[in-house]
Protein backbone atom coordinates (compact mmCIF):
# COMPACT_ATOMS: atom_id res chain seq x y z
CA MET A 1 11.47 26.79 -10.25
CA ASN A 2 14.74 25.03 -11.40
CA LEU A 3 15.14 22.21 -9.15
CA SER A 4 18.18 20.18 -11.15
CA GLY A 5 20.69 21.48 -8.46
CA LEU A 6 18.48 19.19 -5.99
CA ARG A 7 20.47 15.99 -5.29
CA ARG A 8 22.02 13.76 -3.02
CA ASP A 9 24.92 10.96 -3.01
CA PHE A 10 23.54 7.17 -2.34
CA GLY A 11 24.99 3.98 -1.61
CA LYS A 12 25.19 4.19 2.90
CA ASN A 13 23.22 1.65 3.08
CA ALA A 14 23.56 -0.70 0.38
CA ARG A 15 23.82 -4.56 0.61
CA PRO A 16 27.12 -5.95 0.28
CA SER A 17 27.60 -8.15 -2.87
CA GLY A 18 26.20 -11.48 -2.47
CA PRO A 19 23.33 -13.62 -3.51
CA TRP A 20 20.01 -11.91 -2.98
CA PRO A 21 16.79 -14.28 -1.56
CA ASP A 22 15.25 -16.66 -4.12
CA ASN A 23 11.70 -15.35 -2.41
CA PRO A 24 11.09 -12.16 -2.68
CA PHE A 25 8.58 -12.27 0.33
CA THR A 26 11.56 -13.09 2.15
CA LEU A 27 13.46 -9.63 1.24
CA PHE A 28 10.36 -7.39 1.69
CA ALA A 29 9.85 -8.44 5.21
CA SER A 30 13.51 -7.60 6.00
CA TRP A 31 13.34 -4.45 4.23
CA LEU A 32 10.36 -3.48 6.18
CA GLN A 33 11.44 -4.83 9.61
CA GLN A 34 14.89 -2.87 9.01
CA ALA A 35 12.52 0.34 8.35
CA ILE A 36 10.18 -0.42 11.64
CA ASP A 37 13.57 -0.90 13.88
CA ARG A 38 14.89 2.60 12.06
CA GLY A 39 12.12 4.28 13.82
CA ILE A 40 10.71 5.40 10.24
CA THR A 41 7.36 7.06 10.79
CA GLU A 42 4.54 4.87 8.97
CA ALA A 43 7.01 2.73 7.29
CA ASN A 44 4.00 0.28 6.23
CA ALA A 45 2.70 3.40 4.11
CA MET A 46 2.64 2.31 0.27
CA VAL A 47 1.72 4.30 -3.10
CA LEU A 48 -1.27 2.28 -4.51
CA ALA A 49 -1.82 3.28 -8.36
CA THR A 50 -4.84 2.09 -9.50
CA SER A 51 -6.13 2.44 -13.57
CA GLY A 52 -10.11 2.30 -14.12
CA ALA A 53 -12.20 1.32 -17.11
CA LYS A 54 -10.76 4.65 -18.87
CA ASN A 55 -7.38 3.52 -18.35
CA PHE A 56 -6.29 6.91 -16.54
CA PRO A 57 -3.68 6.00 -13.64
CA SER A 58 -4.18 7.66 -10.08
CA ALA A 59 -2.37 7.13 -7.00
CA ARG A 60 -2.42 7.75 -3.35
CA VAL A 61 -0.93 6.59 0.04
CA VAL A 62 -2.72 3.96 1.87
CA LEU A 63 -1.29 1.93 4.72
CA LEU A 64 -0.32 -1.76 4.74
CA LYS A 65 -2.03 -3.53 7.53
CA GLU A 66 -0.57 -7.28 6.74
CA PHE A 67 1.19 -9.17 4.35
CA SER A 68 2.16 -12.76 3.51
CA GLU A 69 2.85 -14.82 0.57
CA LYS A 70 -0.87 -16.69 0.79
CA GLU A 71 -2.81 -13.24 1.59
CA GLY A 72 -0.71 -11.13 -0.26
CA PHE A 73 -0.65 -7.36 0.81
CA VAL A 74 -4.03 -6.23 2.76
CA PHE A 75 -5.05 -2.82 3.06
CA TYR A 76 -8.63 -1.21 3.90
CA THR A 77 -10.95 1.37 1.98
CA HIS A 78 -14.06 2.67 0.94
CA TYR A 79 -15.37 0.46 -1.94
CA GLN A 80 -17.19 3.43 -3.47
CA SER A 81 -13.90 5.61 -3.30
CA ARG A 82 -12.28 6.49 -6.30
CA LYS A 83 -9.97 3.42 -5.93
CA GLY A 84 -12.23 1.49 -4.65
CA ILE A 85 -14.34 1.94 -8.11
CA ALA A 86 -11.22 1.66 -10.33
CA LEU A 87 -10.33 -1.72 -8.84
CA SER A 88 -13.95 -3.15 -9.49
CA GLU A 89 -13.35 -1.73 -13.11
CA ASN A 90 -9.65 -2.85 -13.47
CA PRO A 91 -8.14 -4.91 -10.69
CA GLN A 92 -4.43 -4.32 -12.02
CA ALA A 93 -2.86 -2.24 -9.72
CA ALA A 94 0.61 -1.51 -8.38
CA LEU A 95 2.18 -0.44 -5.25
CA HIS A 96 5.20 1.23 -4.34
CA PHE A 97 7.11 1.24 -0.77
CA PHE A 98 9.73 4.33 -0.30
CA TRP A 99 12.29 4.65 2.79
CA ARG A 100 14.40 7.23 2.39
CA GLU A 101 16.49 6.68 5.84
CA LEU A 102 17.40 3.35 4.47
CA GLU A 103 17.74 4.48 0.55
CA LYS A 104 15.88 1.48 -0.63
CA GLN A 105 12.27 1.39 -2.80
CA VAL A 106 10.38 -1.60 -3.82
CA SER A 107 7.99 -1.32 -6.76
CA LEU A 108 5.11 -4.26 -6.93
CA GLU A 109 2.69 -4.97 -9.85
CA GLY A 110 -0.25 -7.33 -9.49
CA LEU A 111 -3.91 -7.93 -9.30
CA ALA A 112 -6.29 -6.83 -6.02
CA GLU A 113 -9.49 -8.50 -5.02
CA LYS A 114 -11.59 -8.34 -2.03
CA LEU A 115 -11.16 -9.87 1.15
CA PRO A 116 -13.75 -12.14 2.57
CA ALA A 117 -16.49 -10.18 4.63
CA GLU A 118 -15.35 -11.94 7.88
CA LYS A 119 -11.77 -10.72 7.46
CA SER A 120 -12.81 -6.94 6.84
CA ASP A 121 -15.49 -7.45 9.77
CA ALA A 122 -12.68 -8.38 12.28
CA TYR A 123 -10.57 -5.47 11.17
CA PHE A 124 -13.13 -3.15 11.55
CA ASN A 125 -13.99 -4.17 14.80
CA SER A 126 -10.61 -3.81 15.70
CA ARG A 127 -10.51 -0.11 15.18
CA PRO A 128 -10.94 2.57 17.28
CA ARG A 129 -14.78 3.83 17.52
CA GLU A 130 -13.51 7.22 15.98
CA SER A 131 -12.42 5.72 12.90
CA ARG A 132 -15.41 3.32 12.51
CA VAL A 133 -17.79 6.20 13.16
CA SER A 134 -15.77 8.11 10.05
CA ALA A 135 -16.10 4.70 7.87
CA ILE A 136 -20.08 4.71 8.32
CA VAL A 137 -20.82 8.26 7.86
CA SER A 138 -18.06 9.71 4.84
CA PRO A 139 -19.16 9.28 1.42
CA GLN A 140 -15.53 8.96 0.33
CA SER A 141 -14.52 10.40 -2.58
CA ARG A 142 -18.20 12.15 -3.24
CA GLU A 143 -18.85 15.69 -3.82
CA LEU A 144 -19.13 17.21 -0.23
CA GLY A 145 -21.51 20.21 0.07
CA ASN A 146 -21.38 21.65 3.94
CA PRO A 147 -18.43 19.97 6.03
CA GLU A 148 -20.54 20.95 9.17
CA THR A 149 -23.43 18.34 8.38
CA LEU A 150 -20.85 15.48 8.00
CA LYS A 151 -19.21 16.70 11.59
CA LYS A 152 -22.72 16.68 12.84
CA GLN A 153 -23.61 13.17 11.62
CA TRP A 154 -19.93 12.08 12.89
CA GLN A 155 -20.88 13.60 16.19
CA ASN A 156 -24.64 12.24 16.33
CA LEU A 157 -23.44 8.59 15.85
CA TYR A 158 -20.16 8.88 17.86
CA LEU A 159 -22.08 9.95 21.22
CA SER A 160 -25.30 7.89 20.66
CA GLY A 161 -23.40 4.59 22.26
CA HIS A 162 -25.11 2.34 19.40
CA PRO A 163 -23.02 -0.62 18.44
CA LEU A 164 -21.17 -0.12 15.08
CA LYS A 165 -21.54 -2.49 12.54
CA ARG A 166 -19.38 -2.28 9.11
CA PRO A 167 -20.92 -0.92 6.13
CA GLU A 168 -21.05 -3.21 3.10
CA ASN A 169 -19.51 -0.23 1.27
CA TRP A 170 -16.07 -0.84 3.35
CA GLY A 171 -13.60 -3.66 3.69
CA GLY A 172 -10.43 -4.84 2.64
CA TYR A 173 -8.48 -5.96 -0.26
CA ARG A 174 -5.57 -8.44 -0.98
CA PHE A 175 -3.22 -7.46 -3.46
CA LEU A 176 -1.71 -10.59 -4.87
CA PRO A 177 1.67 -9.52 -6.44
CA LEU A 178 3.30 -11.00 -10.11
CA ARG A 179 6.30 -8.87 -10.10
CA PHE A 180 8.50 -7.27 -7.33
CA GLU A 181 11.41 -4.66 -8.16
CA PHE A 182 13.95 -4.18 -5.11
CA TRP A 183 16.06 -0.91 -5.38
CA GLU A 184 18.83 0.40 -3.23
CA GLY A 185 20.91 3.50 -3.77
CA GLY A 186 24.34 2.85 -5.22
CA GLU A 187 27.47 5.03 -5.51
CA HIS A 188 27.49 7.38 -8.45
CA ARG A 189 24.20 6.50 -9.27
CA LEU A 190 25.01 2.73 -9.83
CA HIS A 191 22.04 1.50 -7.93
CA ASN A 192 21.18 -1.99 -7.27
CA ARG A 193 18.19 -3.16 -8.88
CA MET A 194 16.41 -6.93 -8.80
CA VAL A 195 13.30 -8.02 -10.15
CA TYR A 196 11.34 -10.67 -9.22
CA THR A 197 8.69 -12.27 -11.64
CA LYS A 198 6.10 -14.96 -10.80
CA GLN A 199 6.19 -18.36 -12.34
CA ASP A 200 4.61 -21.42 -12.07
CA THR A 201 7.08 -22.84 -9.71
CA GLY A 202 8.41 -19.80 -8.22
CA TRP A 203 9.80 -16.80 -8.37
CA ALA A 204 12.13 -16.18 -11.24
CA LYS A 205 15.29 -13.39 -10.53
CA THR A 206 16.74 -10.98 -12.99
CA ARG A 207 19.08 -7.90 -12.26
CA LEU A 208 18.98 -4.61 -14.02
CA ALA A 209 21.21 -2.03 -14.86
CA PRO A 210 20.82 1.12 -12.89
């Protein structure tokens, strides 16, 4: 299958020339809000790339649940999933956001660490019962024998009415970025690219060629 002819023009949503914010969190918040206001489905979806002890990368889509300069980018998952094991072996990771309708992308590189248990507890308890049951019964990323057995376990726990406590193997991470790259589509493939790199005194900005 030859896909070389699949292309589109860019530049409809590029920012006017002028200064970029000094803080990448300010710019990220602005772009994410634009995506939300535009009605983009799951505007908080992001690709999480990890690389475990064998240095073999893997990637998947997860959902951003909150972010701030202090807390970083927060997401939740099973600690014994493939990504959880990779992060325990190597906390270096990358995130990527792509909003096609805005012709914008953001790539981040940094370090991930587990959230305090009380914060994971609070988020777990805020989830619908269906989602909490799934987090408890699913041995995420493990080989699954009979799917019907898992469905039966889910149904039994869901219908039991028992209080649900967050399992120790499920919880949150905070991703602390060391580098941001913002990309905007430009006319004639002359895209806008700006990199922010973490420094002791703040963030350094560098414009890159497209």
